[in-house]
N, C-alpha and C. Protein backbone atom coordinates (compact mmCIF):
# COMPACT_ATOMS: atom_id res chain seq x y z
N UNK A 1 121.96 104.96 92.05
CA UNK A 1 121.75 104.69 91.73
C UNK A 1 120.94 105.73 90.77
N UNK A 2 120.77 105.77 89.31
CA UNK A 2 120.78 106.51 88.50
C UNK A 2 119.23 106.02 87.08
N UNK A 3 118.14 106.20 87.58
CA UNK A 3 117.59 105.94 86.68
C UNK A 3 116.36 106.26 85.79
N UNK A 4 115.89 106.07 84.70
CA UNK A 4 116.18 106.71 82.79
C UNK A 4 115.28 107.09 83.09
N UNK A 5 114.18 108.28 82.37
CA UNK A 5 113.57 109.19 82.71
C UNK A 5 112.47 107.98 81.19
N UNK A 6 110.94 108.11 82.56
CA UNK A 6 109.52 107.29 81.22
C UNK A 6 109.76 108.20 79.97
N UNK A 7 110.33 107.78 78.79
CA UNK A 7 110.30 108.94 77.40
C UNK A 7 108.71 108.65 77.09
N UNK A 8 108.22 107.27 77.26
CA UNK A 8 106.36 107.71 76.45
C UNK A 8 106.09 108.71 76.74
N UNK A 9 106.23 108.93 77.87
CA UNK A 9 105.38 110.28 79.21
C UNK A 9 105.66 111.89 78.42
N UNK A 10 107.17 111.68 77.62
CA UNK A 10 106.83 113.01 76.72
C UNK A 10 106.67 113.15 75.16
N UNK A 11 105.31 114.70 74.65
CA UNK A 11 105.35 115.48 73.88
C UNK A 11 105.98 116.12 73.24
N UNK A 12 106.08 115.39 72.18
CA UNK A 12 106.31 117.22 71.24
C UNK A 12 105.41 117.17 69.76
N UNK A 13 105.40 118.78 69.82
CA UNK A 13 104.02 118.74 68.13
C UNK A 13 104.95 119.40 67.92
N UNK A 14 105.36 119.82 66.56
CA UNK A 14 106.10 121.34 65.38
C UNK A 14 106.32 120.68 64.75
N UNK A 15 106.18 121.65 63.38
CA UNK A 15 106.44 121.36 62.36
C UNK A 15 107.28 120.42 61.52
N UNK A 16 108.52 121.10 61.82
CA UNK A 16 109.26 120.41 61.97
C UNK A 16 110.03 118.89 63.21
N UNK A 17 111.15 118.16 62.52
CA UNK A 17 111.88 118.02 64.19
C UNK A 17 112.73 119.21 65.16
N UNK A 18 112.06 119.15 65.92
CA UNK A 18 113.02 120.15 67.24
C UNK A 18 114.67 119.55 67.88
N UNK A 19 114.09 118.63 67.52
CA UNK A 19 115.63 118.44 68.63
C UNK A 19 115.59 118.58 69.73
N UNK A 20 114.76 117.87 70.12
CA UNK A 20 114.33 118.67 71.95
C UNK A 20 115.34 117.41 72.88
N UNK A 21 116.06 117.96 73.87
CA UNK A 21 116.64 117.08 74.62
C UNK A 21 115.76 118.07 76.36
N UNK A 22 115.31 118.08 76.51
CA UNK A 22 114.96 118.58 77.99
C UNK A 22 115.13 117.47 79.60
N UNK A 23 116.42 117.58 80.18
CA UNK A 23 116.14 116.62 81.58
C UNK A 23 114.82 117.13 82.37
N UNK A 24 114.36 115.64 82.78
CA UNK A 24 113.60 114.79 82.83
C UNK A 24 113.38 114.79 84.73
N UNK A 25 112.95 114.41 85.65
CA UNK A 25 112.57 113.57 87.12
C UNK A 25 112.50 112.92 86.39
N UNK A 26 113.30 111.59 87.68
CA UNK A 26 113.61 110.28 86.98
C UNK A 26 113.03 109.31 87.50
N UNK A 27 112.42 108.66 87.23
CA UNK A 27 111.54 106.98 88.48
C UNK A 27 112.23 106.66 89.14
N UNK A 28 111.50 106.23 90.43
CA UNK A 28 112.20 106.06 91.20
C UNK A 28 111.63 103.89 91.28
N UNK A 29 112.17 103.68 91.64
CA UNK A 29 112.08 102.36 91.80
C UNK A 29 110.85 101.76 92.25
N UNK A 30 110.29 102.88 93.46
CA UNK A 30 109.25 102.45 93.70
C UNK A 30 107.95 103.26 93.62
N UNK A 31 107.05 102.43 93.29
CA UNK A 31 105.57 102.32 91.61
C UNK A 31 104.67 101.49 92.20
N UNK A 32 103.28 101.65 91.83
CA UNK A 32 102.27 100.89 92.08
C UNK A 32 101.82 100.97 90.45
N UNK A 33 100.88 99.39 90.44
CA UNK A 33 100.66 100.02 89.25
C UNK A 33 98.69 100.63 89.51
N UNK A 34 99.04 100.90 88.41
CA UNK A 34 97.10 100.92 88.53
C UNK A 34 95.59 101.23 87.77
N UNK A 35 94.72 101.00 88.06
CA UNK A 35 93.52 100.95 86.80
C UNK A 35 93.21 101.96 87.25
N UNK A 36 92.41 103.11 86.11
CA UNK A 36 91.34 103.87 86.14
C UNK A 36 90.10 104.02 85.11
N UNK A 37 89.07 104.47 85.95
CA UNK A 37 87.53 104.50 84.86
C UNK A 37 86.95 105.38 84.49
N UNK A 38 86.31 105.45 83.88
CA UNK A 38 85.24 106.32 84.04
C UNK A 38 83.44 106.32 84.22
N UNK A 39 83.28 105.54 84.77
CA UNK A 39 80.97 105.79 84.88
C UNK A 39 80.55 106.54 85.81
N UNK A 40 79.80 107.36 84.69
CA UNK A 40 78.88 107.77 85.17
C UNK A 40 79.10 109.51 86.59
N UNK A 41 79.96 109.62 85.27
CA UNK A 41 79.92 110.99 86.55
C UNK A 41 81.51 110.78 87.20
N UNK A 42 82.29 109.40 87.83
CA UNK A 42 83.35 109.17 88.39
C UNK A 42 84.25 108.64 88.29
N UNK A 43 85.25 108.45 88.70
CA UNK A 43 86.55 108.19 88.49
C UNK A 43 86.89 107.18 88.69
N UNK A 44 86.38 106.12 89.40
CA UNK A 44 87.13 104.70 89.52
C UNK A 44 87.94 104.61 89.17
N UNK A 45 89.72 104.20 90.70
CA UNK A 45 91.00 103.09 91.10
C UNK A 45 90.63 102.47 91.73
N UNK A 46 91.56 101.48 91.40
CA UNK A 46 92.02 100.08 91.09
C UNK A 46 93.44 100.40 91.31
N UNK A 47 94.53 99.75 92.76
CA UNK A 47 95.56 99.71 92.67
C UNK A 47 95.93 98.58 93.06
N UNK A 48 97.24 98.10 91.79
CA UNK A 48 97.77 96.68 92.33
C UNK A 48 98.68 96.08 93.02
N UNK A 49 97.93 95.51 93.87
CA UNK A 49 98.44 95.23 95.01
C UNK A 49 100.83 95.24 94.45
N UNK A 50 101.19 95.25 95.89
CA UNK A 50 103.13 95.24 95.15
C UNK A 50 103.48 94.97 94.15
N UNK A 51 104.00 94.79 92.89
CA UNK A 51 105.27 93.75 92.37
C UNK A 51 104.13 92.50 91.56
N UNK A 52 103.09 93.23 91.40
CA UNK A 52 101.81 92.71 90.24
C UNK A 52 101.81 92.72 89.24
N UNK A 53 102.19 92.71 88.10
CA UNK A 53 102.54 92.94 86.19
C UNK A 53 100.95 92.61 85.88
N UNK A 54 100.68 93.55 84.54
CA UNK A 54 99.93 93.96 84.60
C UNK A 54 99.43 92.36 83.02
N UNK A 55 98.79 91.66 83.10
CA UNK A 55 98.76 89.87 82.54
C UNK A 55 97.34 90.08 82.13
N UNK A 56 97.30 89.94 81.21
CA UNK A 56 95.72 89.10 80.92
C UNK A 56 94.70 88.34 82.46
N UNK A 57 96.02 87.73 82.74
CA UNK A 57 95.08 86.95 84.27
C UNK A 57 94.75 88.43 84.92
N UNK A 58 95.41 89.26 85.20
CA UNK A 58 95.31 90.29 86.34
C UNK A 58 94.89 90.91 85.82
N UNK A 59 94.52 91.01 83.77
CA UNK A 59 93.35 91.89 84.01
C UNK A 59 91.89 91.40 83.85
N UNK A 60 91.73 90.05 84.26
CA UNK A 60 90.05 90.45 84.31
C UNK A 60 90.28 89.88 85.23
N UNK A 61 91.09 89.53 86.07
CA UNK A 61 91.02 89.24 86.87
C UNK A 61 89.75 90.99 87.65
N UNK A 62 90.87 92.07 87.61
CA UNK A 62 90.01 93.27 88.50
C UNK A 62 88.42 93.40 87.82
N UNK A 63 88.91 93.18 86.30
CA UNK A 63 87.53 93.26 85.13
C UNK A 63 86.09 92.21 85.83
N UNK A 64 86.84 90.82 86.95
CA UNK A 64 85.57 90.33 87.21
C UNK A 64 85.18 90.99 89.09
N UNK A 65 86.66 91.43 89.17
CA UNK A 65 85.85 91.24 91.33
C UNK A 65 85.86 92.54 91.68
N UNK A 66 86.34 93.61 90.30
CA UNK A 66 87.01 94.95 90.58
C UNK A 66 85.65 96.58 89.53
N UNK A 67 85.52 95.58 88.99
CA UNK A 67 85.22 96.15 87.92
C UNK A 67 83.04 96.08 88.03
N UNK A 68 83.18 95.10 87.64
CA UNK A 68 82.55 93.81 86.36
C UNK A 68 80.87 94.42 87.59
N UNK A 69 81.39 94.47 89.35
CA UNK A 69 80.38 94.39 90.72
C UNK A 69 79.89 95.75 90.33
N UNK A 70 80.87 97.23 89.53
CA UNK A 70 80.83 98.86 90.03
C UNK A 70 79.55 98.73 88.82
N UNK A 71 80.07 98.31 87.75
CA UNK A 71 79.12 99.06 86.16
C UNK A 71 77.84 98.26 86.00
N UNK A 72 78.02 96.30 86.65
CA UNK A 72 77.26 96.12 85.99
C UNK A 72 75.14 96.79 85.68
N UNK A 73 75.31 96.66 87.01
CA UNK A 73 73.44 97.77 86.82
C UNK A 73 73.82 98.44 85.30
N UNK A 74 74.57 99.94 85.88
CA UNK A 74 74.93 100.22 84.79
C UNK A 74 74.49 100.51 83.36
N UNK A 75 75.41 98.94 83.30
CA UNK A 75 75.97 98.37 81.32
C UNK A 75 73.63 97.94 81.20
N UNK A 76 73.88 97.16 82.10
CA UNK A 76 72.30 97.52 81.54
C UNK A 76 70.92 97.96 81.39
N UNK A 77 70.42 99.05 82.42
CA UNK A 77 69.86 100.08 82.67
C UNK A 77 70.90 101.54 81.66
N UNK A 78 71.45 101.64 80.95
CA UNK A 78 72.13 102.58 80.40
C UNK A 78 72.76 102.04 78.84
N UNK A 79 73.00 101.37 78.66
CA UNK A 79 73.72 100.39 77.35
C UNK A 79 74.95 101.22 77.17
N UNK A 80 75.42 100.67 78.84
CA UNK A 80 77.39 101.24 78.36
C UNK A 80 78.47 100.37 78.42
N UNK A 81 78.75 101.85 77.48
CA UNK A 81 80.22 100.85 75.79
C UNK A 81 81.96 101.03 76.89
N UNK A 82 82.76 100.13 76.52
CA UNK A 82 83.62 99.76 77.27
C UNK A 82 84.40 100.07 76.47
N UNK A 83 85.37 100.77 76.90
CA UNK A 83 87.06 101.62 75.49
C UNK A 83 88.09 100.99 77.02
N UNK A 84 89.12 99.96 75.89
CA UNK A 84 90.20 100.62 76.30
C UNK A 84 91.16 99.87 75.55
N UNK A 85 93.00 100.37 76.04
CA UNK A 85 93.87 100.20 74.46
C UNK A 85 94.05 99.05 73.82
N UNK A 86 95.37 99.81 73.73
CA UNK A 86 95.28 97.45 72.57
C UNK A 86 96.31 96.93 73.77
N UNK A 87 96.87 97.59 74.28
CA UNK A 87 98.34 96.48 75.39
C UNK A 87 97.48 95.03 75.02
N UNK A 88 98.20 94.40 75.53
CA UNK A 88 98.27 92.51 74.96
C UNK A 88 97.21 92.40 76.01
N UNK A 89 97.67 92.50 77.25
CA UNK A 89 96.71 91.65 78.49
C UNK A 89 95.64 92.03 78.19
N UNK A 90 95.38 93.62 77.25
CA UNK A 90 93.46 93.96 77.33
C UNK A 90 93.15 92.69 76.26
N UNK A 91 93.99 92.16 75.11
CA UNK A 91 93.05 92.11 73.47
C UNK A 91 93.28 90.55 73.53
N UNK A 92 93.69 89.85 74.22
CA UNK A 92 93.77 88.66 74.46
C UNK A 92 92.09 87.42 74.17
N UNK A 93 91.54 86.18 73.68
CA UNK A 93 90.89 86.32 73.36
C UNK A 93 89.93 86.14 74.76
N UNK A 94 90.64 85.20 75.89
CA UNK A 94 89.76 84.73 77.18
C UNK A 94 88.67 85.95 76.95
N UNK A 95 89.88 88.04 77.44
CA UNK A 95 89.81 88.99 78.32
C UNK A 95 88.42 89.57 77.07
N UNK A 96 88.14 89.24 74.88
CA UNK A 96 87.80 89.95 74.32
C UNK A 96 86.58 89.15 74.78
N UNK A 97 86.20 88.05 74.89
CA UNK A 97 85.45 87.35 75.03
C UNK A 97 84.65 88.02 76.22
N UNK A 98 84.92 88.10 77.53
CA UNK A 98 84.71 88.12 78.69
C UNK A 98 84.11 89.82 78.31
N UNK A 99 84.75 90.17 77.98
CA UNK A 99 84.15 91.85 77.67
C UNK A 99 82.72 91.65 76.46
N UNK A 100 83.40 90.55 74.95
CA UNK A 100 82.40 90.78 74.55
C UNK A 100 81.14 90.35 75.45
N UNK A 101 80.78 89.40 76.00
CA UNK A 101 80.08 88.73 76.97
C UNK A 101 78.68 89.82 77.44
N UNK A 102 79.59 89.98 78.48
CA UNK A 102 79.03 91.19 79.13
C UNK A 102 78.43 92.52 78.73
N UNK A 103 79.25 93.49 77.67
CA UNK A 103 79.00 94.55 76.53
C UNK A 103 78.19 94.27 76.18
N UNK A 104 77.37 92.88 75.55
CA UNK A 104 77.23 92.90 74.93
C UNK A 104 77.51 93.13 72.91
N UNK A 105 78.82 93.50 72.90
CA UNK A 105 79.57 93.79 71.57
C UNK A 105 79.69 95.24 72.01
N UNK A 106 79.44 96.04 73.17
CA UNK A 106 79.82 97.08 72.50
C UNK A 106 81.14 97.37 73.15
N UNK A 107 81.68 97.03 72.59
CA UNK A 107 83.00 97.11 73.17
C UNK A 107 84.56 98.31 72.60
N UNK A 108 84.82 99.26 72.57
CA UNK A 108 86.08 98.88 71.60
C UNK A 108 87.77 99.30 71.70
N UNK A 109 87.73 98.85 71.31
CA UNK A 109 89.25 98.39 71.70
C UNK A 109 90.43 97.02 69.87
N UNK A 110 91.47 97.14 70.33
CA UNK A 110 92.10 96.80 69.33
C UNK A 110 91.05 94.66 70.12
N UNK A 111 91.34 94.46 68.15
CA UNK A 111 90.82 92.88 67.15
C UNK A 111 89.62 93.49 67.66
N UNK A 112 88.49 94.35 68.37
CA UNK A 112 87.52 93.89 68.28
C UNK A 112 86.94 94.45 66.92
N UNK A 113 85.09 94.63 66.86
CA UNK A 113 84.26 94.41 65.48
C UNK A 113 85.02 96.36 65.82
N UNK A 114 84.48 97.75 67.09
CA UNK A 114 84.76 98.52 67.04
C UNK A 114 85.88 98.41 67.17
N UNK A 115 87.47 98.68 66.78
CA UNK A 115 88.28 99.48 67.45
C UNK A 115 89.13 100.65 67.13
N UNK A 116 90.18 100.37 68.53
CA UNK A 116 90.43 101.79 68.94
C UNK A 116 91.90 102.25 68.82
N UNK A 117 92.75 103.05 67.88
CA UNK A 117 93.74 103.14 66.75
C UNK A 117 94.45 102.76 67.85
N UNK A 118 95.67 101.51 67.13
CA UNK A 118 97.40 101.89 68.53
C UNK A 118 97.87 102.90 68.19
N UNK A 119 98.53 103.50 68.67
CA UNK A 119 99.01 105.38 68.68
C UNK A 119 98.57 106.28 68.36
N UNK A 120 97.35 106.33 68.89
CA UNK A 120 96.41 106.88 68.94
C UNK A 120 96.59 107.66 69.50
N UNK A 121 96.82 109.46 69.28
CA UNK A 121 96.20 110.31 70.13
C UNK A 121 95.27 110.03 71.28
N UNK A 122 95.62 111.34 72.84
CA UNK A 122 95.46 110.38 73.56
C UNK A 122 93.76 111.22 73.55
N UNK A 123 92.44 109.63 73.85
CA UNK A 123 91.03 110.58 72.59
C UNK A 123 90.74 110.43 74.18
N UNK A 124 90.54 109.80 75.82
CA UNK A 124 89.91 109.17 76.63
C UNK A 124 90.34 110.29 77.96
N UNK A 125 88.77 110.42 78.24
CA UNK A 125 89.79 111.58 79.13
C UNK A 125 90.41 111.57 80.35
N UNK A 126 90.55 109.97 80.61
CA UNK A 126 91.70 109.68 81.85
C UNK A 126 92.81 110.32 81.51
N UNK A 127 93.36 110.02 80.02
CA UNK A 127 94.68 110.15 79.04
C UNK A 127 94.88 111.59 79.75
N UNK A 128 94.17 112.54 79.18
CA UNK A 128 94.32 112.87 78.32
C UNK A 128 93.47 114.73 79.44
N UNK A 129 93.21 114.39 81.32
CA UNK A 129 92.68 115.05 81.78
C UNK A 129 92.91 114.52 82.72
N UNK A 130 92.30 113.54 83.42
CA UNK A 130 92.54 113.23 84.55
C UNK A 130 94.00 113.02 85.29
N UNK A 131 94.71 112.20 84.36
CA UNK A 131 95.99 112.08 85.38
C UNK A 131 97.21 113.42 85.80
N UNK A 132 96.80 113.93 84.48
CA UNK A 132 97.55 115.22 84.26
C UNK A 132 97.01 116.06 85.86
N UNK A 133 95.85 116.11 86.25
CA UNK A 133 94.51 117.04 86.93
C UNK A 133 95.65 116.31 88.60
N UNK A 134 95.07 114.78 88.26
CA UNK A 134 96.72 113.98 89.67
C UNK A 134 97.62 113.99 89.56
N UNK A 135 98.25 114.78 89.16
CA UNK A 135 99.83 114.51 89.15
C UNK A 135 100.26 116.60 90.12
N UNK A 136 98.93 116.98 89.35
CA UNK A 136 99.76 118.20 89.87
C UNK A 136 98.98 118.17 91.03
N UNK A 137 97.40 117.76 91.44
CA UNK A 137 97.26 117.04 93.31
C UNK A 137 98.61 117.16 93.97
N UNK A 138 99.31 116.27 93.11
CA UNK A 138 101.02 114.96 94.18
C UNK A 138 101.18 116.31 94.23
N UNK A 139 101.65 117.14 93.17
CA UNK A 139 102.44 118.47 93.47
C UNK A 139 102.26 119.30 94.82
N UNK A 140 100.74 119.33 94.90
CA UNK A 140 101.23 119.73 96.81
C UNK A 140 100.85 118.82 97.19
N UNK A 141 100.00 117.98 97.27
CA UNK A 141 100.32 116.99 98.30
C UNK A 141 101.88 116.46 99.10
N UNK A 142 102.52 116.76 98.37
CA UNK A 142 104.07 115.81 98.10
C UNK A 142 103.59 114.81 99.41
N UNK A 143 103.12 113.13 98.08
CA UNK A 143 103.04 111.93 99.46
C UNK A 143 105.43 111.03 99.26
N UNK A 144 105.57 111.06 100.49
CA UNK A 144 106.58 110.77 100.69
C UNK A 144 106.37 108.82 100.79
N UNK A 145 105.50 108.11 100.28
CA UNK A 145 105.41 106.92 100.20
C UNK A 145 104.27 107.09 98.99
N UNK A 146 104.40 105.38 99.06
CA UNK A 146 103.74 105.00 97.59
C UNK A 146 101.95 104.82 98.73
N UNK A 147 102.52 104.22 99.96
CA UNK A 147 101.30 104.32 100.56
C UNK A 147 100.21 105.55 100.41
N UNK A 148 101.11 106.58 100.88
CA UNK A 148 100.39 107.96 101.36
C UNK A 148 100.12 108.98 99.28
N UNK A 149 100.97 107.59 98.41
CA UNK A 149 100.36 108.53 97.37
C UNK A 149 99.34 108.32 96.78
N UNK A 150 99.03 106.65 97.18
CA UNK A 150 97.07 106.50 96.37
C UNK A 150 96.65 106.61 97.62
N UNK A 151 96.22 107.35 98.93
CA UNK A 151 95.55 108.08 99.82
C UNK A 151 95.04 109.11 99.34
N UNK A 152 96.92 109.43 98.63
CA UNK A 152 96.69 111.29 98.31
C UNK A 152 95.75 111.19 96.43
N UNK A 153 95.72 109.75 96.03
CA UNK A 153 95.24 110.38 94.11
C UNK A 153 93.77 109.12 94.58
N UNK A 154 93.76 108.80 95.64
CA UNK A 154 92.20 108.20 95.40
C UNK A 154 91.30 108.76 96.63
N UNK A 155 91.93 109.82 97.46
CA UNK A 155 90.94 111.60 97.74
C UNK A 155 90.44 113.12 96.89
N UNK A 156 91.67 112.16 95.90
CA UNK A 156 91.43 113.66 94.66
C UNK A 156 90.57 112.75 93.64
N UNK A 157 90.17 111.80 93.83
CA UNK A 157 89.32 111.45 92.68
C UNK A 157 88.53 111.33 92.64
N UNK A 158 88.16 111.51 94.69
CA UNK A 158 86.45 110.76 94.27
C UNK A 158 86.17 112.32 95.70
N UNK A 159 86.87 113.51 95.41
CA UNK A 159 86.13 115.29 95.19
C UNK A 159 86.19 115.86 94.61
N UNK A 160 86.10 114.82 93.25
CA UNK A 160 85.77 114.86 92.15
C UNK A 160 85.04 115.72 91.59
N UNK A 161 84.62 117.06 91.65
CA UNK A 161 82.88 117.17 90.92
C UNK A 161 82.69 117.30 89.88
N UNK A 162 80.71 116.21 89.71
CA UNK A 162 80.75 115.15 88.65
C UNK A 162 80.87 116.40 87.74
N UNK A 163 80.08 117.72 87.97
CA UNK A 163 79.87 117.50 86.58
C UNK A 163 81.96 118.47 85.76
N UNK A 164 82.81 118.36 87.05
CA UNK A 164 83.65 118.25 86.20
C UNK A 164 83.91 117.11 84.98
N UNK A 165 83.69 116.25 86.70
CA UNK A 165 84.38 114.85 85.52
C UNK A 165 83.35 114.80 83.88
N UNK A 166 82.33 115.13 83.74
CA UNK A 166 81.70 114.83 82.62
C UNK A 166 81.59 116.18 81.38
N UNK A 167 81.92 117.46 81.91
CA UNK A 167 82.55 117.40 80.46
C UNK A 167 83.81 117.51 80.18
N UNK A 168 84.64 117.09 80.96
CA UNK A 168 85.37 116.49 80.53
C UNK A 168 85.36 115.42 79.59
N UNK A 169 84.40 114.61 79.78
CA UNK A 169 84.15 113.25 78.78
C UNK A 169 83.22 114.01 77.80
N UNK A 170 83.27 115.04 78.11
CA UNK A 170 82.18 115.29 76.78
C UNK A 170 83.46 115.79 76.05
N UNK A 171 83.91 116.78 76.52
CA UNK A 171 85.34 116.76 75.63
C UNK A 171 85.73 116.22 74.95
N UNK A 172 85.68 114.58 74.57
CA UNK A 172 86.31 113.59 73.15
C UNK A 172 85.45 113.86 72.43
N UNK A 173 84.53 114.61 71.88
CA UNK A 173 83.46 114.73 70.65
C UNK A 173 84.51 116.33 69.76
N UNK A 174 84.66 117.61 70.10
CA UNK A 174 85.63 118.08 69.30
C UNK A 174 87.41 117.59 69.92
N UNK A 175 88.10 116.59 70.70
CA UNK A 175 89.06 116.56 70.48
C UNK A 175 88.87 115.40 69.63
N UNK A 176 87.28 113.81 69.09
CA UNK A 176 87.91 113.52 68.35
C UNK A 176 88.07 113.81 66.85
N UNK A 177 86.71 114.97 66.25
CA UNK A 177 86.43 115.62 65.34
C UNK A 177 87.90 116.01 65.01
N UNK A 178 88.97 117.30 66.19
CA UNK A 178 90.01 117.77 65.27
C UNK A 178 90.91 116.79 65.15
N UNK A 179 90.91 115.70 64.86
CA UNK A 179 92.11 113.94 65.05
C UNK A 179 91.46 113.87 63.89
N UNK A 180 90.28 114.01 63.54
CA UNK A 180 89.02 113.41 61.75
C UNK A 180 90.62 114.74 61.09
N UNK A 181 89.62 115.80 61.63
CA UNK A 181 89.88 117.14 60.26
C UNK A 181 92.25 116.70 60.40
N UNK A 182 92.88 116.32 61.42
CA UNK A 182 93.79 115.95 61.03
C UNK A 182 94.69 114.80 60.43
N UNK A 183 93.73 114.02 60.29
CA UNK A 183 94.10 112.61 59.06
C UNK A 183 95.07 112.31 59.98
N UNK A 184 93.83 111.79 61.92
CA UNK A 184 94.28 110.82 62.81
C UNK A 184 95.78 111.54 64.25
N UNK A 185 96.09 112.60 63.41
CA UNK A 185 98.24 112.85 63.75
C UNK A 185 97.74 113.75 64.50
N UNK A 186 98.62 113.68 65.11
CA UNK A 186 98.65 114.60 66.87
C UNK A 186 97.48 115.96 66.81
N UNK A 187 97.40 116.32 66.70
CA UNK A 187 95.75 117.52 66.99
C UNK A 187 95.73 118.57 67.44
N UNK A 188 96.93 118.51 68.99
CA UNK A 188 96.76 119.19 70.32
C UNK A 188 96.92 120.64 70.06
N UNK A 189 98.42 121.39 69.49
CA UNK A 189 98.27 122.73 68.83
C UNK A 189 96.73 123.34 68.74
N UNK A 190 96.25 122.50 67.63
CA UNK A 190 94.82 122.68 66.91
C UNK A 190 94.05 122.89 68.31
N UNK A 191 94.00 122.36 68.23
CA UNK A 191 92.29 121.61 68.88
C UNK A 191 91.56 123.30 69.87
N UNK A 192 92.37 124.64 70.51
CA UNK A 192 91.31 125.19 71.08
C UNK A 192 90.85 126.05 69.16
N UNK A 193 91.58 125.84 68.18
CA UNK A 193 90.97 127.19 67.29
C UNK A 193 89.80 126.13 67.04
N UNK A 194 89.67 124.53 66.64
CA UNK A 194 88.67 123.62 66.26
C UNK A 194 87.30 124.06 67.12
N UNK A 195 87.75 124.18 68.60
CA UNK A 195 86.33 124.11 68.92
C UNK A 195 86.22 126.29 69.13
N UNK A 196 86.85 127.17 68.58
CA UNK A 196 86.48 127.86 68.55
C UNK A 196 85.82 127.73 66.57
N UNK A 197 85.92 126.83 65.84
CA UNK A 197 85.38 127.00 64.59
C UNK A 197 84.44 126.69 65.77
N UNK A 198 83.24 125.53 66.13
CA UNK A 198 83.13 124.28 65.93
C UNK A 198 82.65 125.12 67.48
């Protein structure tokens, strides 16, 4: 039973269309959805139960029962901001209202005052840093089951050095600047040069 590779995880940048066609490993039927966040120099992970699909109800549930108890005090003490992508489950009215109330308007999201642009380049450290490093770690541990994969990723996240995480978060500034210099389009190939200048 051959599966189709997940093309959304492939990115190519070139001056012209390179017509790249590369074979890649396929996804299996075994999968588990997760949510990750970075708070105060720590990565926090939530694993959805098997078979649960992300919708506004399941998303709001993890916000209320998992995320909020872990960030409530920090939000009040440090005026933390919440940033999320524009997935429909994230941007329905009930979720937006809940986030707006809890974070006192400090929410970066589609359909909010502070918009996170759709189809934007990877500016979140979870996208440009954490998941890539976690995947690299899994190549060394080679988990054989979903349960072992979850344990390995949790272990990897819990052992990340706080300074490394803070450095990745700080990298948002140069990435955002380079993105702006490139008119909001793909900027990865120009990032090193941008960092040398700035």
